[in-house]
Amino acid sequence: QVQLVEFGGGLVQAGGSRRLSCTVSGLTASTRAMGWFRQPPGKAREFVGSITKSGQSTAYTDSVKGRFTISRDAADNTIYLQMNSLKPEDTAVYFCAAAKAFFATFTTIGAADYWGQGTQVTVSS
């Protein structure tokens, strides 16, 4: 059974940093492109960023470029999202996802095969 479990959410002040982690079990994370999505209050789920199977390439939505960084640790089967210079508009439930096997990159919800349960990040002004 594949499980993705996110850790690291919480309350942070604007301008602060937070690191989210996503531990994968039942699946070798390095065989899938992995991504982070978020769902702000009252809004639809949206793409945040992703990393390819090899870990050599990343992609981000424009609003987080230069502030957020995705990385992966193959040994721990874990994906990370380092979030810096946080803004109140970054407040959302953050979800980790694994892409379907044939996707080399991952930027859309439709490409997701597995999801975590989400972790709340609240940025206070």
PDB file of N, CA and C in Angstrom:
ATOM      1  N   GLN A   1       0.850  -1.197   0.000  1.00  0.00           N
ATOM      2  CA  GLN A   1       0.000   0.000   0.000  1.00  0.00           C
ATOM      3  C   GLN A   1       0.884   1.244   0.000  1.00  0.00           C
ATOM      4  N   VAL A   2       0.620   2.123  -0.924  1.00  0.00           N
ATOM      5  CA  VAL A   2       1.404   3.343  -1.037  1.00  0.00           C
ATOM      6  C   VAL A   2       0.857   4.390  -0.061  1.00  0.00           C
ATOM      7  N   GLN A   3       1.767   5.006   0.676  1.00  0.00           N
ATOM      8  CA  GLN A   3       1.379   6.076   1.584  1.00  0.00           C
ATOM      9  C   GLN A   3       2.355   7.225   1.455  1.00  0.00           C
ATOM     10  N   LEU A   4       1.820   8.431   1.424  1.00  0.00           N
ATOM     11  CA  LEU A   4       2.601   9.653   1.456  1.00  0.00           C
ATOM     12  C   LEU A   4       2.156  10.408   2.700  1.00  0.00           C
ATOM     13  N   VAL A   5       3.093  10.774   3.549  1.00  0.00           N
ATOM     14  CA  VAL A   5       2.761  11.454   4.790  1.00  0.00           C
ATOM     15  C   VAL A   5       3.581  12.727   4.897  1.00  0.00           C
ATOM     16  N   GLU A   6       2.883  13.854   5.016  1.00  0.00           N
ATOM     17  CA  GLU A   6       3.548  15.149   5.122  1.00  0.00           C
ATOM     18  C   GLU A   6       3.771  15.510   6.585  1.00  0.00           C
ATOM     19  N   PHE A   7       4.878  16.197   6.839  1.00  0.00           N
ATOM     20  CA  PHE A   7       5.198  16.713   8.165  1.00  0.00           C
ATOM     21  C   PHE A   7       5.695  18.141   8.022  1.00  0.00           C
ATOM     22  N   GLY A   8       5.578  18.889   9.090  1.00  0.00           N
ATOM     23  CA  GLY A   8       6.228  20.192   9.137  1.00  0.00           C
ATOM     24  C   GLY A   8       5.328  21.402   9.063  1.00  0.00           C
ATOM     25  N   GLY A   9       4.047  21.206   8.904  1.00  0.00           N
ATOM     26  CA  GLY A   9       3.158  22.352   8.865  1.00  0.00           C
ATOM     27  C   GLY A   9       3.065  23.045  10.205  1.00  0.00           C
ATOM     28  N   GLY A  10       2.485  24.226  10.193  1.00  0.00           N
ATOM     29  CA  GLY A  10       2.318  24.970  11.437  1.00  0.00           C
ATOM     30  C   GLY A  10       2.124  26.446  11.175  1.00  0.00           C
ATOM     31  N   LEU A  11       2.257  27.218  12.233  1.00  0.00           N
ATOM     32  CA  LEU A  11       2.082  28.666  12.162  1.00  0.00           C
ATOM     33  C   LEU A  11       3.452  29.334  12.079  1.00  0.00           C
ATOM     34  N   VAL A  12       3.594  30.253  11.142  1.00  0.00           N
ATOM     35  CA  VAL A  12       4.855  30.965  10.965  1.00  0.00           C
ATOM     36  C   VAL A  12       4.559  32.424  10.649  1.00  0.00           C
ATOM     37  N   GLN A  13       5.427  33.306  11.072  1.00  0.00           N
ATOM     38  CA  GLN A  13       5.241  34.726  10.789  1.00  0.00           C
ATOM     39  C   GLN A  13       5.684  35.046   9.361  1.00  0.00           C
ATOM     40  N   ALA A  14       5.075  36.059   8.810  1.00  0.00           N
ATOM     41  CA  ALA A  14       5.472  36.512   7.479  1.00  0.00           C
ATOM     42  C   ALA A  14       6.965  36.838   7.467  1.00  0.00           C
ATOM     43  N   GLY A  15       7.620  36.406   6.392  1.00  0.00           N
ATOM     44  CA  GLY A  15       9.061  36.574   6.286  1.00  0.00           C
ATOM     45  C   GLY A  15       9.854  35.412   6.822  1.00  0.00           C
ATOM     46  N   GLY A  16       9.187  34.517   7.504  1.00  0.00           N
ATOM     47  CA  GLY A  16       9.855  33.368   8.101  1.00  0.00           C
ATOM     48  C   GLY A  16      10.006  32.216   7.129  1.00  0.00           C
ATOM     49  N   SER A  17      10.523  31.113   7.653  1.00  0.00           N
ATOM     50  CA  SER A  17      10.787  29.922   6.847  1.00  0.00           C
ATOM     51  C   SER A  17      10.149  28.696   7.486  1.00  0.00           C
ATOM     52  N   ARG A  18       9.929  27.708   6.634  1.00  0.00           N
ATOM     53  CA  ARG A  18       9.366  26.443   7.107  1.00  0.00           C
ATOM     54  C   ARG A  18       9.804  25.370   6.131  1.00  0.00           C
ATOM     55  N   ARG A  19      10.100  24.186   6.655  1.00  0.00           N
ATOM     56  CA  ARG A  19      10.440  23.073   5.775  1.00  0.00           C
ATOM     57  C   ARG A  19       9.420  21.953   5.947  1.00  0.00           C
ATOM     58  N   LEU A  20       8.810  21.591   4.858  1.00  0.00           N
ATOM     59  CA  LEU A  20       7.884  20.469   4.854  1.00  0.00           C
ATOM     60  C   LEU A  20       8.615  19.228   4.346  1.00  0.00           C
ATOM     61  N   SER A  21       8.237  18.092   4.876  1.00  0.00           N
ATOM     62  CA  SER A  21       8.784  16.830   4.379  1.00  0.00           C
ATOM     63  C   SER A  21       7.644  15.890   4.032  1.00  0.00           C
ATOM     64  N   CYS A  22       7.917  15.000   3.123  1.00  0.00           N
ATOM     65  CA  CYS A  22       6.933  14.023   2.674  1.00  0.00           C
ATOM     66  C   CYS A  22       7.625  12.665   2.631  1.00  0.00           C
ATOM     67  N   THR A  23       7.226  11.813   3.535  1.00  0.00           N
ATOM     68  CA  THR A  23       7.809  10.477   3.585  1.00  0.00           C
ATOM     69  C   THR A  23       6.955   9.516   2.780  1.00  0.00           C
ATOM     70  N   VAL A  24       7.601   8.756   1.902  1.00  0.00           N
ATOM     71  CA  VAL A  24       6.898   7.853   0.991  1.00  0.00           C
ATOM     72  C   VAL A  24       7.151   6.407   1.420  1.00  0.00           C
ATOM     73  N   SER A  25       6.109   5.629   1.472  1.00  0.00           N
ATOM     74  CA  SER A  25       6.245   4.200   1.743  1.00  0.00           C
ATOM     75  C   SER A  25       5.420   3.423   0.731  1.00  0.00           C
ATOM     76  N   GLY A  26       5.853   2.190   0.464  1.00  0.00           N
ATOM     77  CA  GLY A  26       5.153   1.363  -0.499  1.00  0.00           C
ATOM     78  C   GLY A  26       5.478   1.706  -1.942  1.00  0.00           C
ATOM     79  N   LEU A  27       6.401   2.615  -2.126  1.00  0.00           N
ATOM     80  CA  LEU A  27       6.779   3.084  -3.460  1.00  0.00           C
ATOM     81  C   LEU A  27       8.178   3.667  -3.365  1.00  0.00           C
ATOM     82  N   THR A  28       9.019   3.373  -4.334  1.00  0.00           N
ATOM     83  CA  THR A  28      10.334   4.003  -4.368  1.00  0.00           C
ATOM     84  C   THR A  28      10.182   5.374  -5.010  1.00  0.00           C
ATOM     85  N   ALA A  29      10.343   6.407  -4.207  1.00  0.00           N
ATOM     86  CA  ALA A  29      10.047   7.765  -4.671  1.00  0.00           C
ATOM     87  C   ALA A  29      10.874   8.165  -5.876  1.00  0.00           C
ATOM     88  N   SER A  30      12.077   7.614  -5.996  1.00  0.00           N
ATOM     89  CA  SER A  30      12.946   8.002  -7.103  1.00  0.00           C
ATOM     90  C   SER A  30      12.468   7.443  -8.439  1.00  0.00           C
ATOM     91  N   THR A  31      11.452   6.604  -8.443  1.00  0.00           N
ATOM     92  CA  THR A  31      10.898   6.076  -9.699  1.00  0.00           C
ATOM     93  C   THR A  31       9.751   6.945 -10.213  1.00  0.00           C
ATOM     94  N   ARG A  32       9.421   8.006  -9.445  1.00  0.00           N
ATOM     95  CA  ARG A  32       8.314   8.879  -9.847  1.00  0.00           C
ATOM     96  C   ARG A  32       8.743  10.341  -9.749  1.00  0.00           C
ATOM     97  N   ALA A  33       8.230  11.157 -10.663  1.00  0.00           N
ATOM     98  CA  ALA A  33       8.287  12.599 -10.432  1.00  0.00           C
ATOM     99  C   ALA A  33       7.420  12.879  -9.202  1.00  0.00           C
ATOM    100  N   MET A  34       7.852  13.804  -8.378  1.00  0.00           N
ATOM    101  CA  MET A  34       7.134  14.125  -7.141  1.00  0.00           C
ATOM    102  C   MET A  34       6.796  15.610  -7.135  1.00  0.00           C
ATOM    103  N   GLY A  35       5.705  15.947  -6.493  1.00  0.00           N
ATOM    104  CA  GLY A  35       5.299  17.346  -6.500  1.00  0.00           C
ATOM    105  C   GLY A  35       4.661  17.790  -5.202  1.00  0.00           C
ATOM    106  N   TRP A  36       4.581  19.091  -5.053  1.00  0.00           N
ATOM    107  CA  TRP A  36       3.857  19.718  -3.954  1.00  0.00           C
ATOM    108  C   TRP A  36       2.748  20.583  -4.545  1.00  0.00           C
ATOM    109  N   PHE A  37       1.587  20.475  -3.963  1.00  0.00           N
ATOM    110  CA  PHE A  37       0.439  21.282  -4.319  1.00  0.00           C
ATOM    111  C   PHE A  37      -0.082  21.938  -3.048  1.00  0.00           C
ATOM    112  N   ARG A  38      -0.924  22.944  -3.201  1.00  0.00           N
ATOM    113  CA  ARG A  38      -1.514  23.567  -2.020  1.00  0.00           C
ATOM    114  C   ARG A  38      -2.939  23.993  -2.313  1.00  0.00           C
ATOM    115  N   GLN A  39      -3.721  24.082  -1.257  1.00  0.00           N
ATOM    116  CA  GLN A  39      -5.105  24.515  -1.384  1.00  0.00           C
ATOM    117  C   GLN A  39      -5.364  25.621  -0.384  1.00  0.00           C
ATOM    118  N   PRO A  40      -5.376  26.882  -0.840  1.00  0.00           N
ATOM    119  CA  PRO A  40      -5.679  28.000   0.060  1.00  0.00           C
ATOM    120  C   PRO A  40      -7.129  27.934   0.526  1.00  0.00           C
ATOM    121  N   PRO A  41      -7.459  28.594   1.610  1.00  0.00           N
ATOM    122  CA  PRO A  41      -8.839  28.574   2.119  1.00  0.00           C
ATOM    123  C   PRO A  41      -9.834  29.039   1.069  1.00  0.00           C
ATOM    124  N   GLY A  42     -10.842  28.233   0.807  1.00  0.00           N
ATOM    125  CA  GLY A  42     -11.896  28.602  -0.122  1.00  0.00           C
ATOM    126  C   GLY A  42     -11.504  28.578  -1.591  1.00  0.00           C
ATOM    127  N   LYS A  43     -10.327  28.037  -1.892  1.00  0.00           N
ATOM    128  CA  LYS A  43      -9.865  28.022  -3.283  1.00  0.00           C
ATOM    129  C   LYS A  43      -9.544  26.601  -3.733  1.00  0.00           C
ATOM    130  N   ALA A  44      -9.284  26.468  -5.021  1.00  0.00           N
ATOM    131  CA  ALA A  44      -8.967  25.167  -5.585  1.00  0.00           C
ATOM    132  C   ALA A  44      -7.507  24.793  -5.304  1.00  0.00           C
ATOM    133  N   ARG A  45      -7.242  23.519  -5.362  1.00  0.00           N
ATOM    134  CA  ARG A  45      -5.878  23.042  -5.204  1.00  0.00           C
ATOM    135  C   ARG A  45      -5.037  23.518  -6.390  1.00  0.00           C
ATOM    136  N   GLU A  46      -3.792  23.915  -6.100  1.00  0.00           N
ATOM    137  CA  GLU A  46      -2.938  24.458  -7.151  1.00  0.00           C
ATOM    138  C   GLU A  46      -1.527  23.902  -7.062  1.00  0.00           C
ATOM    139  N   PHE A  47      -0.855  23.914  -8.197  1.00  0.00           N
ATOM    140  CA  PHE A  47       0.517  23.432  -8.277  1.00  0.00           C
ATOM    141  C   PHE A  47       1.460  24.391  -7.568  1.00  0.00           C
ATOM    142  N   VAL A  48       2.415  23.851  -6.826  1.00  0.00           N
ATOM    143  CA  VAL A  48       3.453  24.658  -6.185  1.00  0.00           C
ATOM    144  C   VAL A  48       4.795  24.400  -6.848  1.00  0.00           C
ATOM    145  N   GLY A  49       5.194  23.144  -6.890  1.00  0.00           N
ATOM    146  CA  GLY A  49       6.478  22.803  -7.479  1.00  0.00           C
ATOM    147  C   GLY A  49       6.621  21.311  -7.622  1.00  0.00           C
ATOM    148  N   SER A  50       7.624  20.896  -8.412  1.00  0.00           N
ATOM    149  CA  SER A  50       7.840  19.467  -8.614  1.00  0.00           C
ATOM    150  C   SER A  50       9.297  19.193  -8.908  1.00  0.00           C
ATOM    151  N   ILE A  51       9.644  17.920  -8.805  1.00  0.00           N
ATOM    152  CA  ILE A  51      11.007  17.481  -9.053  1.00  0.00           C
ATOM    153  C   ILE A  51      10.945  16.203  -9.870  1.00  0.00           C
ATOM    154  N   THR A  52      11.871  16.089 -10.830  1.00  0.00           N
ATOM    155  CA  THR A  52      11.866  14.927 -11.710  1.00  0.00           C
ATOM    156  C   THR A  52      12.364  13.682 -10.980  1.00  0.00           C
ATOM    157  N   LYS A  53      12.214  12.546 -11.636  1.00  0.00           N
ATOM    158  CA  LYS A  53      12.632  11.277 -11.044  1.00  0.00           C
ATOM    159  C   LYS A  53      14.102  11.317 -10.638  1.00  0.00           C
ATOM    160  N   SER A  54      14.914  11.903 -11.487  1.00  0.00           N
ATOM    161  CA  SER A  54      16.347  11.941 -11.220  1.00  0.00           C
ATOM    162  C   SER A  54      16.720  12.955 -10.153  1.00  0.00           C
ATOM    163  N   GLY A  55      15.823  13.893  -9.912  1.00  0.00           N
ATOM    164  CA  GLY A  55      16.116  14.969  -8.972  1.00  0.00           C
ATOM    165  C   GLY A  55      16.944  16.078  -9.573  1.00  0.00           C
ATOM    166  N   GLN A  56      17.218  16.002 -10.869  1.00  0.00           N
ATOM    167  CA  GLN A  56      18.106  16.988 -11.484  1.00  0.00           C
ATOM    168  C   GLN A  56      17.369  18.209 -12.004  1.00  0.00           C
ATOM    169  N   SER A  57      16.056  18.139 -12.053  1.00  0.00           N
ATOM    170  CA  SER A  57      15.292  19.266 -12.577  1.00  0.00           C
ATOM    171  C   SER A  57      14.087  19.535 -11.701  1.00  0.00           C
ATOM    172  N   THR A  58      13.813  20.813 -11.487  1.00  0.00           N
ATOM    173  CA  THR A  58      12.653  21.226 -10.705  1.00  0.00           C
ATOM    174  C   THR A  58      11.839  22.250 -11.485  1.00  0.00           C
ATOM    175  N   ALA A  59      10.601  22.394 -11.083  1.00  0.00           N
ATOM    176  CA  ALA A  59       9.712  23.391 -11.680  1.00  0.00           C
ATOM    177  C   ALA A  59       8.878  23.995 -10.570  1.00  0.00           C
ATOM    178  N   TYR A  60       8.563  25.291 -10.710  1.00  0.00           N
ATOM    179  CA  TYR A  60       7.805  25.989  -9.679  1.00  0.00           C
ATOM    180  C   TYR A  60       6.773  26.899 -10.315  1.00  0.00           C
ATOM    181  N   THR A  61       5.688  27.118  -9.588  1.00  0.00           N
ATOM    182  CA  THR A  61       4.757  28.135 -10.015  1.00  0.00           C
ATOM    183  C   THR A  61       5.399  29.497  -9.785  1.00  0.00           C
ATOM    184  N   ASP A  62       5.009  30.481 -10.583  1.00  0.00           N
ATOM    185  CA  ASP A  62       5.688  31.782 -10.560  1.00  0.00           C
ATOM    186  C   ASP A  62       5.687  32.434  -9.177  1.00  0.00           C
ATOM    187  N   SER A  63       4.614  32.261  -8.423  1.00  0.00           N
ATOM    188  CA  SER A  63       4.482  32.974  -7.160  1.00  0.00           C
ATOM    189  C   SER A  63       5.464  32.499  -6.086  1.00  0.00           C
ATOM    190  N   VAL A  64       6.081  31.345  -6.281  1.00  0.00           N
ATOM    191  CA  VAL A  64       7.010  30.837  -5.274  1.00  0.00           C
ATOM    192  C   VAL A  64       8.448  30.759  -5.780  1.00  0.00           C
ATOM    193  N   LYS A  65       8.673  31.071  -7.033  1.00  0.00           N
ATOM    194  CA  LYS A  65      10.027  31.003  -7.593  1.00  0.00           C
ATOM    195  C   LYS A  65      10.968  31.918  -6.816  1.00  0.00           C
ATOM    196  N   GLY A  66      12.141  31.374  -6.489  1.00  0.00           N
ATOM    197  CA  GLY A  66      13.110  32.138  -5.730  1.00  0.00           C
ATOM    198  C   GLY A  66      12.894  32.086  -4.234  1.00  0.00           C
ATOM    199  N   ARG A  67      11.756  31.560  -3.791  1.00  0.00           N
ATOM    200  CA  ARG A  67      11.467  31.466  -2.354  1.00  0.00           C
ATOM    201  C   ARG A  67      11.365  30.007  -1.882  1.00  0.00           C
ATOM    202  N   PHE A  68      10.840  29.143  -2.728  1.00  0.00           N
ATOM    203  CA  PHE A  68      10.632  27.739  -2.362  1.00  0.00           C
ATOM    204  C   PHE A  68      11.618  26.854  -3.122  1.00  0.00           C
ATOM    205  N   THR A  69      12.056  25.788  -2.475  1.00  0.00           N
ATOM    206  CA  THR A  69      12.971  24.835  -3.091  1.00  0.00           C
ATOM    207  C   THR A  69      12.532  23.414  -2.767  1.00  0.00           C
ATOM    208  N   ILE A  70      12.440  22.610  -3.803  1.00  0.00           N
ATOM    209  CA  ILE A  70      12.117  21.189  -3.628  1.00  0.00           C
ATOM    210  C   ILE A  70      13.394  20.368  -3.748  1.00  0.00           C
ATOM    211  N   SER A  71      13.504  19.371  -2.900  1.00  0.00           N
ATOM    212  CA  SER A  71      14.626  18.452  -2.979  1.00  0.00           C
ATOM    213  C   SER A  71      14.144  17.057  -2.616  1.00  0.00           C
ATOM    214  N   ARG A  72      14.984  16.079  -2.905  1.00  0.00           N
ATOM    215  CA  ARG A  72      14.608  14.718  -2.560  1.00  0.00           C
ATOM    216  C   ARG A  72      15.814  13.973  -2.013  1.00  0.00           C
ATOM    217  N   ASP A  73      15.545  13.077  -1.082  1.00  0.00           N
ATOM    218  CA  ASP A  73      16.579  12.250  -0.488  1.00  0.00           C
ATOM    219  C   ASP A  73      16.222  10.801  -0.799  1.00  0.00           C
ATOM    220  N   ALA A  74      16.931  10.233  -1.758  1.00  0.00           N
ATOM    221  CA  ALA A  74      16.604   8.875  -2.192  1.00  0.00           C
ATOM    222  C   ALA A  74      16.804   7.863  -1.069  1.00  0.00           C
ATOM    223  N   ALA A  75      17.806   8.088  -0.244  1.00  0.00           N
ATOM    224  CA  ALA A  75      18.095   7.137   0.835  1.00  0.00           C
ATOM    225  C   ALA A  75      16.945   7.053   1.829  1.00  0.00           C
ATOM    226  N   ASP A  76      16.302   8.193   2.080  1.00  0.00           N
ATOM    227  CA  ASP A  76      15.195   8.228   3.044  1.00  0.00           C
ATOM    228  C   ASP A  76      13.835   8.146   2.377  1.00  0.00           C
ATOM    229  N   ASN A  77      13.836   8.093   1.040  1.00  0.00           N
ATOM    230  CA  ASN A  77      12.561   8.060   0.316  1.00  0.00           C
ATOM    231  C   ASN A  77      11.669   9.223   0.731  1.00  0.00           C
ATOM    232  N   THR A  78      12.289  10.396   0.802  1.00  0.00           N
ATOM    233  CA  THR A  78      11.605  11.573   1.324  1.00  0.00           C
ATOM    234  C   THR A  78      11.768  12.750   0.366  1.00  0.00           C
ATOM    235  N   ILE A  79      10.724  13.559   0.282  1.00  0.00           N
ATOM    236  CA  ILE A  79      10.722  14.780  -0.519  1.00  0.00           C
ATOM    237  C   ILE A  79      10.591  15.964   0.440  1.00  0.00           C
ATOM    238  N   TYR A  80      11.287  17.041   0.140  1.00  0.00           N
ATOM    239  CA  TYR A  80      11.245  18.217   0.998  1.00  0.00           C
ATOM    240  C   TYR A  80      10.762  19.435   0.208  1.00  0.00           C
ATOM    241  N   LEU A  81      10.143  20.357   0.930  1.00  0.00           N
ATOM    242  CA  LEU A  81       9.792  21.666   0.381  1.00  0.00           C
ATOM    243  C   LEU A  81      10.287  22.711   1.371  1.00  0.00           C
ATOM    244  N   GLN A  82      11.366  23.371   1.017  1.00  0.00           N
ATOM    245  CA  GLN A  82      11.900  24.460   1.846  1.00  0.00           C
ATOM    246  C   GLN A  82      11.220  25.748   1.416  1.00  0.00           C
ATOM    247  N   MET A  83      10.555  26.398   2.351  1.00  0.00           N
ATOM    248  CA  MET A  83       9.810  27.609   2.055  1.00  0.00           C
ATOM    249  C   MET A  83      10.430  28.765   2.818  1.00  0.00           C
ATOM    250  N   ASN A  84      10.910  29.752   2.099  1.00  0.00           N
ATOM    251  CA  ASN A  84      11.519  30.938   2.697  1.00  0.00           C
ATOM    252  C   ASN A  84      10.711  32.182   2.340  1.00  0.00           C
ATOM    253  N   SER A  85      10.947  33.244   3.067  1.00  0.00           N
ATOM    254  CA  SER A  85      10.269  34.526   2.817  1.00  0.00           C
ATOM    255  C   SER A  85       8.765  34.322   2.680  1.00  0.00           C
ATOM    256  N   LEU A  86       8.202  33.624   3.613  1.00  0.00           N
ATOM    257  CA  LEU A  86       6.779  33.282   3.528  1.00  0.00           C
ATOM    258  C   LEU A  86       5.898  34.508   3.614  1.00  0.00           C
ATOM    259  N   LYS A  87       4.789  34.449   2.891  1.00  0.00           N
ATOM    260  CA  LYS A  87       3.822  35.536   2.836  1.00  0.00           C
ATOM    261  C   LYS A  87       2.464  35.018   3.313  1.00  0.00           C
ATOM    262  N   PRO A  88       1.606  35.913   3.786  1.00  0.00           N
ATOM    263  CA  PRO A  88       0.272  35.460   4.204  1.00  0.00           C
ATOM    264  C   PRO A  88      -0.469  34.710   3.094  1.00  0.00           C
ATOM    265  N   GLU A  89      -0.246  35.076   1.851  1.00  0.00           N
ATOM    266  CA  GLU A  89      -0.930  34.395   0.744  1.00  0.00           C
ATOM    267  C   GLU A  89      -0.403  32.983   0.502  1.00  0.00           C
ATOM    268  N   ASP A  90       0.649  32.579   1.208  1.00  0.00           N
ATOM    269  CA  ASP A  90       1.118  31.197   1.141  1.00  0.00           C
ATOM    270  C   ASP A  90       0.322  30.291   2.091  1.00  0.00           C
ATOM    271  N   THR A  91      -0.549  30.877   2.884  1.00  0.00           N
ATOM    272  CA  THR A  91      -1.375  30.092   3.791  1.00  0.00           C
ATOM    273  C   THR A  91      -2.232  29.103   3.011  1.00  0.00           C
ATOM    274  N   ALA A  92      -2.115  27.831   3.345  1.00  0.00           N
ATOM    275  CA  ALA A  92      -2.830  26.788   2.613  1.00  0.00           C
ATOM    276  C   ALA A  92      -2.576  25.439   3.272  1.00  0.00           C
ATOM    277  N   VAL A  93      -3.339  24.463   2.837  1.00  0.00           N
ATOM    278  CA  VAL A  93      -3.002  23.073   3.140  1.00  0.00           C
ATOM    279  C   VAL A  93      -2.072  22.608   2.021  1.00  0.00           C
ATOM    280  N   TYR A  94      -0.926  22.084   2.396  1.00  0.00           N
ATOM    281  CA  TYR A  94       0.069  21.652   1.429  1.00  0.00           C
ATOM    282  C   TYR A  94       0.035  20.125   1.297  1.00  0.00           C
ATOM    283  N   PHE A  95       0.000  19.689   0.054  1.00  0.00           N
ATOM    284  CA  PHE A  95      -0.105  18.262  -0.255  1.00  0.00           C
ATOM    285  C   PHE A  95       1.115  17.803  -1.044  1.00  0.00           C
ATOM    286  N   CYS A  96       1.610  16.648  -0.683  1.00  0.00           N
ATOM    287  CA  CYS A  96       2.640  15.975  -1.448  1.00  0.00           C
ATOM    288  C   CYS A  96       1.951  14.999  -2.396  1.00  0.00           C
ATOM    289  N   ALA A  97       2.532  14.808  -3.587  1.00  0.00           N
ATOM    290  CA  ALA A  97       1.937  13.885  -4.539  1.00  0.00           C
ATOM    291  C   ALA A  97       3.013  13.188  -5.355  1.00  0.00           C
ATOM    292  N   ALA A  98       2.712  11.971  -5.758  1.00  0.00           N
ATOM    293  CA  ALA A  98       3.564  11.212  -6.665  1.00  0.00           C
ATOM    294  C   ALA A  98       2.876  11.135  -8.019  1.00  0.00           C
ATOM    295  N   ALA A  99       3.644  11.396  -9.063  1.00  0.00           N
ATOM    296  CA  ALA A  99       3.062  11.379 -10.407  1.00  0.00           C
ATOM    297  C   ALA A  99       2.847   9.949 -10.888  1.00  0.00           C
ATOM    298  N   LYS A 100       1.970   9.816 -11.864  1.00  0.00           N
ATOM    299  CA  LYS A 100       1.822   8.532 -12.537  1.00  0.00           C
ATOM    300  C   LYS A 100       3.147   8.173 -13.191  1.00  0.00           C
ATOM    301  N   ALA A 101       3.383   6.875 -13.324  1.00  0.00           N
ATOM    302  CA  ALA A 101       4.714   6.392 -13.663  1.00  0.00           C
ATOM    303  C   ALA A 101       5.260   6.933 -14.977  1.00  0.00           C
ATOM    304  N   PHE A 102       4.385   7.199 -15.953  1.00  0.00           N
ATOM    305  CA  PHE A 102       4.894   7.578 -17.276  1.00  0.00           C
ATOM    306  C   PHE A 102       5.148   9.074 -17.418  1.00  0.00           C
ATOM    307  N   PHE A 103       4.915   9.854 -16.365  1.00  0.00           N
ATOM    308  CA  PHE A 103       5.169  11.291 -16.428  1.00  0.00           C
ATOM    309  C   PHE A 103       6.604  11.588 -15.999  1.00  0.00           C
ATOM    310  N   ALA A 104       7.349  12.259 -16.871  1.00  0.00           N
ATOM    311  CA  ALA A 104       8.706  12.648 -16.517  1.00  0.00           C
ATOM    312  C   ALA A 104       8.716  13.928 -15.691  1.00  0.00           C
ATOM    313  N   THR A 105       7.740  14.781 -15.938  1.00  0.00           N
ATOM    314  CA  THR A 105       7.583  16.009 -15.171  1.00  0.00           C
ATOM    315  C   THR A 105       6.180  16.042 -14.602  1.00  0.00           C
ATOM    316  N   PHE A 106       5.912  16.994 -13.741  1.00  0.00           N
ATOM    317  CA  PHE A 106       4.687  16.919 -12.952  1.00  0.00           C
ATOM    318  C   PHE A 106       4.274  18.324 -12.560  1.00  0.00           C
ATOM    319  N   THR A 107       3.268  18.857 -13.247  1.00  0.00           N
ATOM    320  CA  THR A 107       2.807  20.207 -12.936  1.00  0.00           C
ATOM    321  C   THR A 107       1.294  20.311 -12.819  1.00  0.00           C
ATOM    322  N   THR A 108       0.578  19.240 -13.070  1.00  0.00           N
ATOM    323  CA  THR A 108      -0.879  19.293 -13.045  1.00  0.00           C
ATOM    324  C   THR A 108      -1.463  18.241 -12.111  1.00  0.00           C
ATOM    325  N   ILE A 109      -2.616  18.569 -11.555  1.00  0.00           N
ATOM    326  CA  ILE A 109      -3.296  17.643 -10.660  1.00  0.00           C
ATOM    327  C   ILE A 109      -3.613  16.336 -11.370  1.00  0.00           C
ATOM    328  N   GLY A 110      -3.959  16.411 -12.635  1.00  0.00           N
ATOM    329  CA  GLY A 110      -4.330  15.228 -13.390  1.00  0.00           C
ATOM    330  C   GLY A 110      -3.225  14.202 -13.549  1.00  0.00           C
ATOM    331  N   ALA A 111      -1.976  14.649 -13.346  1.00  0.00           N
ATOM    332  CA  ALA A 111      -0.832  13.736 -13.471  1.00  0.00           C
ATOM    333  C   ALA A 111      -0.557  12.975 -12.189  1.00  0.00           C
ATOM    334  N   ALA A 112      -1.255  13.322 -11.127  1.00  0.00           N
ATOM    335  CA  ALA A 112      -0.992  12.699  -9.826  1.00  0.00           C
ATOM    336  C   ALA A 112      -1.558  11.297  -9.745  1.00  0.00           C
ATOM    337  N   ASP A 113      -0.783  10.438  -9.100  1.00  0.00           N
ATOM    338  CA  ASP A 113      -1.210   9.054  -8.890  1.00  0.00           C
ATOM    339  C   ASP A 113      -1.537   8.821  -7.418  1.00  0.00           C
ATOM    340  N   TYR A 114      -0.733   9.396  -6.543  1.00  0.00           N
ATOM    341  CA  TYR A 114      -0.929   9.233  -5.101  1.00  0.00           C
ATOM    342  C   TYR A 114      -0.806  10.594  -4.425  1.00  0.00           C
ATOM    343  N   TRP A 115      -1.592  10.767  -3.325  1.00  0.00           N
ATOM    344  CA  TRP A 115      -1.591  12.011  -2.567  1.00  0.00           C
ATOM    345  C   TRP A 115      -1.360  11.731  -1.092  1.00  0.00           C
ATOM    346  N   GLY A 116      -0.733  12.705  -0.436  1.00  0.00           N
ATOM    347  CA  GLY A 116      -0.689  12.686   1.009  1.00  0.00           C
ATOM    348  C   GLY A 116      -1.959  13.295   1.564  1.00  0.00           C
ATOM    349  N   GLN A 117      -2.054  13.309   2.885  1.00  0.00           N
ATOM    350  CA  GLN A 117      -3.268  13.806   3.535  1.00  0.00           C
ATOM    351  C   GLN A 117      -3.256  15.321   3.708  1.00  0.00           C
ATOM    352  N   GLY A 118      -2.105  15.930   3.525  1.00  0.00           N
ATOM    353  CA  GLY A 118      -1.991  17.376   3.623  1.00  0.00           C
ATOM    354  C   GLY A 118      -1.532  17.844   4.991  1.00  0.00           C
ATOM    355  N   THR A 119      -0.873  18.996   5.010  1.00  0.00           N
ATOM    356  CA  THR A 119      -0.443  19.620   6.251  1.00  0.00           C
ATOM    357  C   THR A 119      -0.697  21.120   6.144  1.00  0.00           C
ATOM    358  N   GLN A 120      -1.245  21.696   7.201  1.00  0.00           N
ATOM    359  CA  GLN A 120      -1.635  23.103   7.188  1.00  0.00           C
ATOM    360  C   GLN A 120      -0.431  23.996   7.455  1.00  0.00           C
ATOM    361  N   VAL A 121      -0.266  24.991   6.621  1.00  0.00           N
ATOM    362  CA  VAL A 121       0.721  26.046   6.844  1.00  0.00           C
ATOM    363  C   VAL A 121      -0.036  27.362   6.923  1.00  0.00           C
ATOM    364  N   THR A 122       0.128  28.061   8.020  1.00  0.00           N
ATOM    365  CA  THR A 122      -0.528  29.340   8.220  1.00  0.00           C
ATOM    366  C   THR A 122       0.539  30.403   8.426  1.00  0.00           C
ATOM    367  N   VAL A 123       0.499  31.424   7.589  1.00  0.00           N
ATOM    368  CA  VAL A 123       1.468  32.512   7.675  1.00  0.00           C
ATOM    369  C   VAL A 123       0.753  33.749   8.194  1.00  0.00           C
ATOM    370  N   SER A 124       1.181  34.236   9.340  1.00  0.00           N
ATOM    371  CA  SER A 124       0.547  35.400   9.954  1.00  0.00           C
ATOM    372  C   SER A 124       1.264  36.666   9.520  1.00  0.00           C
ATOM    373  N   SER A 125       0.484  37.721   9.383  1.00  0.00           N
ATOM    374  CA  SER A 125       1.061  39.008   8.935  1.00  0.00           C
ATOM    375  C   SER A 125       1.526  39.836  10.107  1.00  0.00           C
TER     376      SER A 125
END
